[in-house]
Protein backbone atom coordinates (compact mmCIF):
# COMPACT_ATOMS: atom_id res chain seq x y z
CA MET A 1 18.18 181.26 -52.45
CA GLU A 2 15.98 179.69 -55.09
CA ILE A 3 17.39 176.72 -56.99
CA ALA A 4 15.81 175.76 -60.34
CA ASP A 5 15.83 172.55 -62.40
CA ILE A 6 16.29 170.12 -59.53
CA ASN A 7 15.60 166.78 -61.20
CA PRO A 8 15.28 163.80 -58.80
CA ARG A 9 16.44 161.45 -61.58
CA ASP A 10 19.77 163.29 -61.59
CA TYR A 11 20.50 162.45 -57.92
CA PRO A 12 23.15 162.87 -56.53
CA ASP A 13 24.71 165.11 -59.19
CA PHE A 14 21.85 167.54 -59.93
CA CYS A 15 24.05 168.83 -62.77
CA ASP A 16 21.23 170.84 -64.39
CA ALA A 17 20.33 172.72 -61.20
CA TYR A 18 21.21 176.39 -61.02
CA ILE A 19 20.60 179.36 -58.76
CA GLU A 20 17.56 181.18 -60.08
CA GLU A 21 17.66 184.01 -57.54
CA ALA A 22 19.30 184.88 -54.24
CA CYS A 23 19.59 187.83 -51.87
CA TRP A 24 22.36 189.07 -49.60
CA LYS A 25 21.55 187.94 -46.06
CA SER A 26 22.87 191.17 -44.51
CA THR A 27 20.92 193.61 -46.71
CA GLY A 28 18.21 191.62 -48.45
CA GLU A 29 19.38 193.04 -51.79
CA PRO A 30 19.15 190.65 -54.76
CA LEU A 31 22.40 189.36 -56.22
CA THR A 32 23.30 190.56 -59.69
CA ASP A 33 23.47 188.15 -62.63
CA GLY A 34 27.27 188.29 -62.41
CA GLU A 35 27.25 187.38 -58.72
CA LEU A 36 24.85 184.49 -59.37
CA GLU A 37 27.12 183.19 -62.14
CA MET A 38 30.15 183.30 -59.82
CA ILE A 39 28.30 181.19 -57.25
CA ASP A 40 27.01 178.76 -59.91
CA GLU A 41 30.52 178.23 -61.26
CA SER A 42 31.97 177.56 -57.81
CA ASP A 43 29.62 174.66 -56.91
CA ALA A 44 29.47 176.23 -53.44
CA TYR A 45 25.72 175.72 -53.21
CA ASP A 46 25.60 171.90 -53.41
CA GLU A 47 24.23 171.62 -49.86
CA GLU A 48 21.44 174.07 -50.69
CA ILE A 49 20.46 171.92 -53.70
CA PHE A 50 20.15 168.84 -51.48
CA GLU A 51 18.12 170.73 -48.87
CA GLN A 52 15.68 172.08 -51.47
CA ALA A 53 15.48 168.71 -53.27
CA LEU A 54 14.59 166.99 -50.00
CA GLY A 55 12.19 169.74 -48.95
CA MET A 56 14.17 170.68 -45.86
């Protein structure tokens, strides 16, 4: 999963961050734009934002 627009000044909210691209773990197939939007709207990727922001 690639997260874009991670701005350190926006910590801890990172409200401008969004999923730029992601793939299904089981198949390696890229998610469609619709699937990416569903994830973005759910805020289910907050932990991934923190990990990428901290370089983990």
